[in-house]
Amino acid sequence: MKKKEVVKKKEEFNNIIKTCPYKKNKYFTIYIRKRENAIARFGLAISKKVGIAVVRNRLKRQLRAIIDKNKGIFSNSCDYIIMIKKDCVNSSFQILEKNLINLLKETK
């Protein structure tokens, strides 16, 4: 993901979580906000309860790779906040990718 594709401001991040609809499954919760801009933006969130920093950073790296690999699935006029759940820790990359894609298809 490039810098312009990231939701950075804390107020904006929290506003999306508080006000926007969401979908969830065993591995992820996705909040989606429609907007007028032409670039899809993403925010990743993971709790410290999931594991130590090494584990959390590995999961975020994997999720960024999944997002970059599947850019065509995401609508260009939306902001996405993806919350990673604890069940992701023991799952393979392929399982995470499959579940994220299925969850996105449900939101459309």
N, C-alpha and C. Protein backbone atom coordinates (compact mmCIF):
# COMPACT_ATOMS: atom_id res chain seq x y z
N MET A 1 0.84 -1.18 0.00
CA MET A 1 0.00 0.00 0.00
C MET A 1 0.88 1.24 0.00
N LYS A 2 0.44 2.22 -0.76
CA LYS A 2 1.15 3.48 -0.78
C LYS A 2 0.61 4.39 0.32
N LYS A 3 1.37 5.44 0.62
CA LYS A 3 0.98 6.34 1.71
C LYS A 3 -0.36 7.00 1.47
N LYS A 4 -0.67 7.31 0.22
CA LYS A 4 -1.95 7.96 -0.05
C LYS A 4 -3.13 7.00 0.06
N GLU A 5 -2.86 5.72 0.23
CA GLU A 5 -3.91 4.72 0.35
C GLU A 5 -4.15 4.30 1.80
N VAL A 6 -3.68 5.10 2.75
CA VAL A 6 -3.79 4.75 4.16
C VAL A 6 -4.61 5.81 4.91
N VAL A 7 -5.55 5.37 5.73
CA VAL A 7 -6.28 6.27 6.62
C VAL A 7 -5.37 6.51 7.82
N LYS A 8 -4.92 7.74 8.00
CA LYS A 8 -3.91 8.02 9.02
C LYS A 8 -4.43 8.76 10.24
N LYS A 9 -5.35 9.68 10.03
CA LYS A 9 -5.80 10.52 11.14
C LYS A 9 -6.65 9.72 12.12
N LYS A 10 -6.34 9.87 13.39
CA LYS A 10 -7.03 9.13 14.45
C LYS A 10 -8.52 9.47 14.48
N GLU A 11 -8.86 10.76 14.31
CA GLU A 11 -10.25 11.18 14.34
C GLU A 11 -11.04 10.52 13.21
N GLU A 12 -10.45 10.50 12.03
CA GLU A 12 -11.10 9.89 10.87
C GLU A 12 -11.26 8.38 11.06
N PHE A 13 -10.23 7.74 11.57
CA PHE A 13 -10.23 6.31 11.85
C PHE A 13 -11.35 5.96 12.83
N ASN A 14 -11.43 6.70 13.93
CA ASN A 14 -12.45 6.45 14.94
C ASN A 14 -13.85 6.78 14.44
N ASN A 15 -13.98 7.81 13.60
CA ASN A 15 -15.27 8.19 13.04
C ASN A 15 -15.82 7.07 12.16
N ILE A 16 -14.97 6.46 11.36
CA ILE A 16 -15.40 5.35 10.50
C ILE A 16 -15.89 4.18 11.36
N ILE A 17 -15.15 3.86 12.41
CA ILE A 17 -15.51 2.73 13.27
C ILE A 17 -16.84 2.99 13.99
N LYS A 18 -17.07 4.22 14.44
CA LYS A 18 -18.27 4.53 15.21
C LYS A 18 -19.53 4.65 14.36
N THR A 19 -19.40 5.13 13.13
CA THR A 19 -20.59 5.50 12.37
C THR A 19 -20.90 4.62 11.16
N CYS A 20 -19.98 3.83 10.69
CA CYS A 20 -20.18 3.13 9.42
C CYS A 20 -20.59 1.68 9.60
N PRO A 21 -21.29 1.12 8.61
CA PRO A 21 -21.69 -0.29 8.69
C PRO A 21 -20.48 -1.20 8.59
N TYR A 22 -20.64 -2.43 9.07
CA TYR A 22 -19.52 -3.36 9.05
C TYR A 22 -19.99 -4.77 8.75
N LYS A 23 -19.05 -5.59 8.34
CA LYS A 23 -19.25 -7.03 8.16
C LYS A 23 -18.13 -7.73 8.90
N LYS A 24 -18.42 -8.93 9.41
CA LYS A 24 -17.37 -9.64 10.12
C LYS A 24 -17.48 -11.13 9.89
N ASN A 25 -16.35 -11.80 10.09
CA ASN A 25 -16.29 -13.25 10.09
C ASN A 25 -15.33 -13.68 11.18
N LYS A 26 -14.87 -14.90 11.13
CA LYS A 26 -14.01 -15.45 12.19
C LYS A 26 -12.67 -14.71 12.28
N TYR A 27 -12.18 -14.17 11.18
CA TYR A 27 -10.84 -13.60 11.13
C TYR A 27 -10.79 -12.07 11.08
N PHE A 28 -11.79 -11.44 10.49
CA PHE A 28 -11.73 -10.00 10.26
C PHE A 28 -13.07 -9.33 10.55
N THR A 29 -12.99 -8.03 10.83
CA THR A 29 -14.15 -7.14 10.83
C THR A 29 -13.80 -5.98 9.91
N ILE A 30 -14.67 -5.70 8.95
CA ILE A 30 -14.40 -4.64 7.98
C ILE A 30 -15.47 -3.56 8.10
N TYR A 31 -15.03 -2.33 8.32
CA TYR A 31 -15.90 -1.16 8.32
C TYR A 31 -15.70 -0.45 6.99
N ILE A 32 -16.81 -0.05 6.36
CA ILE A 32 -16.72 0.56 5.03
C ILE A 32 -17.45 1.89 5.03
N ARG A 33 -16.76 2.92 4.53
CA ARG A 33 -17.38 4.24 4.38
C ARG A 33 -17.24 4.68 2.93
N LYS A 34 -18.35 5.02 2.32
CA LYS A 34 -18.32 5.53 0.95
C LYS A 34 -17.91 6.99 0.96
N ARG A 35 -17.18 7.38 -0.08
CA ARG A 35 -16.77 8.78 -0.21
C ARG A 35 -16.61 9.13 -1.68
N GLU A 36 -16.32 10.38 -1.98
CA GLU A 36 -16.29 10.84 -3.36
C GLU A 36 -14.94 10.69 -4.04
N ASN A 37 -13.87 10.56 -3.27
CA ASN A 37 -12.53 10.50 -3.85
C ASN A 37 -12.35 9.26 -4.72
N ALA A 38 -11.34 9.26 -5.58
CA ALA A 38 -11.14 8.17 -6.54
C ALA A 38 -10.17 7.10 -6.05
N ILE A 39 -9.64 7.24 -4.86
CA ILE A 39 -8.65 6.27 -4.37
C ILE A 39 -9.21 5.55 -3.15
N ALA A 40 -9.13 4.22 -3.18
CA ALA A 40 -9.53 3.44 -2.00
C ALA A 40 -8.46 3.62 -0.93
N ARG A 41 -8.91 3.79 0.32
CA ARG A 41 -7.97 3.94 1.42
C ARG A 41 -8.23 2.86 2.45
N PHE A 42 -7.17 2.46 3.15
CA PHE A 42 -7.25 1.36 4.09
C PHE A 42 -6.66 1.74 5.44
N GLY A 43 -7.24 1.17 6.47
CA GLY A 43 -6.70 1.28 7.81
C GLY A 43 -6.68 -0.10 8.43
N LEU A 44 -5.60 -0.45 9.07
CA LEU A 44 -5.47 -1.76 9.70
C LEU A 44 -5.40 -1.58 11.21
N ALA A 45 -6.14 -2.43 11.92
CA ALA A 45 -6.14 -2.35 13.38
C ALA A 45 -6.01 -3.76 13.94
N ILE A 46 -5.16 -3.88 14.97
CA ILE A 46 -4.98 -5.16 15.63
C ILE A 46 -4.73 -4.90 17.12
N SER A 47 -5.37 -5.69 17.95
CA SER A 47 -5.28 -5.50 19.39
C SER A 47 -3.99 -6.09 19.94
N LYS A 48 -3.52 -5.56 21.04
CA LYS A 48 -2.34 -6.12 21.70
C LYS A 48 -2.63 -7.48 22.30
N LYS A 49 -3.90 -7.82 22.45
CA LYS A 49 -4.28 -9.13 22.98
C LYS A 49 -3.97 -10.25 21.99
N VAL A 50 -3.77 -9.91 20.73
CA VAL A 50 -3.51 -10.92 19.69
C VAL A 50 -2.15 -11.58 19.90
N GLY A 51 -1.17 -10.82 20.31
CA GLY A 51 0.15 -11.39 20.53
C GLY A 51 1.20 -10.31 20.68
N ILE A 52 2.45 -10.74 20.72
CA ILE A 52 3.56 -9.79 20.85
C ILE A 52 3.72 -9.03 19.54
N ALA A 53 4.55 -8.00 19.55
CA ALA A 53 4.70 -7.11 18.41
C ALA A 53 5.12 -7.85 17.14
N VAL A 54 5.96 -8.85 17.28
CA VAL A 54 6.42 -9.61 16.11
C VAL A 54 5.23 -10.27 15.41
N VAL A 55 4.34 -10.84 16.18
CA VAL A 55 3.16 -11.51 15.63
C VAL A 55 2.21 -10.51 14.98
N ARG A 56 1.96 -9.40 15.66
CA ARG A 56 1.06 -8.39 15.12
C ARG A 56 1.61 -7.79 13.83
N ASN A 57 2.90 -7.50 13.79
CA ASN A 57 3.50 -6.93 12.60
C ASN A 57 3.48 -7.91 11.43
N ARG A 58 3.67 -9.20 11.72
CA ARG A 58 3.62 -10.22 10.66
C ARG A 58 2.22 -10.27 10.05
N LEU A 59 1.19 -10.23 10.89
CA LEU A 59 -0.18 -10.25 10.40
C LEU A 59 -0.50 -9.00 9.57
N LYS A 60 -0.01 -7.84 10.00
CA LYS A 60 -0.24 -6.62 9.23
C LYS A 60 0.47 -6.67 7.88
N ARG A 61 1.69 -7.20 7.85
CA ARG A 61 2.41 -7.37 6.58
C ARG A 61 1.66 -8.29 5.64
N GLN A 62 1.15 -9.40 6.17
CA GLN A 62 0.40 -10.34 5.35
C GLN A 62 -0.86 -9.68 4.80
N LEU A 63 -1.54 -8.92 5.63
CA LEU A 63 -2.77 -8.27 5.19
C LEU A 63 -2.48 -7.21 4.11
N ARG A 64 -1.40 -6.47 4.27
CA ARG A 64 -1.02 -5.49 3.24
C ARG A 64 -0.72 -6.19 1.92
N ALA A 65 -0.06 -7.34 1.97
CA ALA A 65 0.24 -8.11 0.76
C ALA A 65 -1.05 -8.59 0.09
N ILE A 66 -2.00 -9.03 0.89
CA ILE A 66 -3.29 -9.48 0.35
C ILE A 66 -4.01 -8.31 -0.33
N ILE A 67 -3.99 -7.15 0.31
CA ILE A 67 -4.65 -5.97 -0.26
C ILE A 67 -3.99 -5.58 -1.58
N ASP A 68 -2.65 -5.54 -1.61
CA ASP A 68 -1.95 -5.17 -2.84
C ASP A 68 -2.21 -6.17 -3.97
N LYS A 69 -2.29 -7.42 -3.62
CA LYS A 69 -2.50 -8.49 -4.62
C LYS A 69 -3.91 -8.45 -5.20
N ASN A 70 -4.89 -8.00 -4.43
CA ASN A 70 -6.29 -8.04 -4.84
C ASN A 70 -6.92 -6.66 -4.91
N LYS A 71 -6.23 -5.67 -5.45
CA LYS A 71 -6.73 -4.30 -5.52
C LYS A 71 -8.04 -4.19 -6.30
N GLY A 72 -8.25 -5.06 -7.28
CA GLY A 72 -9.44 -4.99 -8.12
C GLY A 72 -10.73 -5.27 -7.39
N ILE A 73 -10.67 -5.95 -6.27
CA ILE A 73 -11.87 -6.29 -5.51
C ILE A 73 -12.41 -5.09 -4.75
N PHE A 74 -11.54 -4.19 -4.34
CA PHE A 74 -11.93 -3.05 -3.53
C PHE A 74 -12.52 -1.95 -4.39
N SER A 75 -13.61 -1.34 -3.94
CA SER A 75 -14.22 -0.21 -4.62
C SER A 75 -13.32 1.01 -4.44
N ASN A 76 -13.14 1.79 -5.50
CA ASN A 76 -12.24 2.94 -5.44
C ASN A 76 -12.82 4.11 -4.65
N SER A 77 -14.10 4.10 -4.38
CA SER A 77 -14.71 5.25 -3.72
C SER A 77 -15.04 4.94 -2.26
N CYS A 78 -14.23 4.11 -1.60
CA CYS A 78 -14.51 3.73 -0.22
C CYS A 78 -13.26 3.78 0.66
N ASP A 79 -13.51 3.96 1.95
CA ASP A 79 -12.47 3.78 2.97
C ASP A 79 -12.77 2.47 3.67
N TYR A 80 -11.73 1.69 3.94
CA TYR A 80 -11.88 0.41 4.60
C TYR A 80 -11.04 0.39 5.87
N ILE A 81 -11.66 0.03 6.97
CA ILE A 81 -10.93 -0.23 8.21
C ILE A 81 -11.05 -1.72 8.46
N ILE A 82 -9.92 -2.40 8.50
CA ILE A 82 -9.91 -3.85 8.68
C ILE A 82 -9.32 -4.15 10.05
N MET A 83 -10.14 -4.77 10.89
CA MET A 83 -9.70 -5.16 12.22
C MET A 83 -9.37 -6.64 12.19
N ILE A 84 -8.18 -6.98 12.65
CA ILE A 84 -7.69 -8.35 12.62
C ILE A 84 -8.00 -9.01 13.96
N LYS A 85 -8.59 -10.20 13.91
CA LYS A 85 -8.96 -10.91 15.14
C LYS A 85 -7.90 -11.93 15.53
N LYS A 86 -8.01 -12.44 16.72
CA LYS A 86 -7.02 -13.34 17.30
C LYS A 86 -6.90 -14.67 16.56
N ASP A 87 -7.97 -15.12 15.90
CA ASP A 87 -7.95 -16.39 15.17
C ASP A 87 -6.99 -16.38 13.98
N CYS A 88 -6.54 -15.22 13.56
CA CYS A 88 -5.60 -15.11 12.43
C CYS A 88 -4.21 -15.63 12.77
N VAL A 89 -3.87 -15.68 14.04
CA VAL A 89 -2.50 -16.01 14.46
C VAL A 89 -2.05 -17.37 13.94
N ASN A 90 -2.89 -18.37 14.05
CA ASN A 90 -2.50 -19.73 13.67
C ASN A 90 -2.95 -20.11 12.27
N SER A 91 -3.38 -19.15 11.46
CA SER A 91 -3.89 -19.43 10.12
C SER A 91 -2.83 -19.15 9.07
N SER A 92 -2.93 -19.86 7.95
CA SER A 92 -1.98 -19.65 6.86
C SER A 92 -2.38 -18.43 6.04
N PHE A 93 -1.46 -17.99 5.21
CA PHE A 93 -1.68 -16.85 4.34
C PHE A 93 -2.85 -17.10 3.40
N GLN A 94 -2.94 -18.30 2.85
CA GLN A 94 -3.99 -18.64 1.91
C GLN A 94 -5.37 -18.59 2.56
N ILE A 95 -5.47 -19.05 3.79
CA ILE A 95 -6.75 -19.01 4.51
C ILE A 95 -7.15 -17.57 4.79
N LEU A 96 -6.20 -16.75 5.19
CA LEU A 96 -6.49 -15.34 5.45
C LEU A 96 -6.96 -14.64 4.18
N GLU A 97 -6.27 -14.91 3.07
CA GLU A 97 -6.63 -14.29 1.80
C GLU A 97 -8.03 -14.72 1.37
N LYS A 98 -8.32 -15.98 1.46
CA LYS A 98 -9.63 -16.50 1.06
C LYS A 98 -10.74 -15.88 1.90
N ASN A 99 -10.54 -15.79 3.22
CA ASN A 99 -11.57 -15.23 4.10
C ASN A 99 -11.77 -13.74 3.88
N LEU A 100 -10.70 -13.00 3.64
CA LEU A 100 -10.83 -11.56 3.38
C LEU A 100 -11.58 -11.32 2.07
N ILE A 101 -11.24 -12.07 1.04
CA ILE A 101 -11.91 -11.90 -0.25
C ILE A 101 -13.39 -12.25 -0.14
N ASN A 102 -13.71 -13.35 0.55
CA ASN A 102 -15.11 -13.72 0.72
C ASN A 102 -15.88 -12.67 1.50
N LEU A 103 -15.27 -12.10 2.51
CA LEU A 103 -15.92 -11.06 3.30
C LEU A 103 -16.16 -9.81 2.47
N LEU A 104 -15.22 -9.47 1.60
CA LEU A 104 -15.40 -8.29 0.73
C LEU A 104 -16.51 -8.52 -0.28
N LYS A 105 -16.61 -9.74 -0.79
CA LYS A 105 -17.67 -10.03 -1.76
C LYS A 105 -19.04 -9.96 -1.10
N GLU A 106 -19.13 -10.28 0.19
CA GLU A 106 -20.39 -10.17 0.93
C GLU A 106 -20.80 -8.71 1.08
N THR A 107 -19.85 -7.81 1.18
CA THR A 107 -20.16 -6.40 1.41
C THR A 107 -20.69 -5.72 0.16
N LYS A 108 -20.43 -6.28 -1.00
CA LYS A 108 -20.88 -5.64 -2.25
C LYS A 108 -22.28 -5.91 -2.55
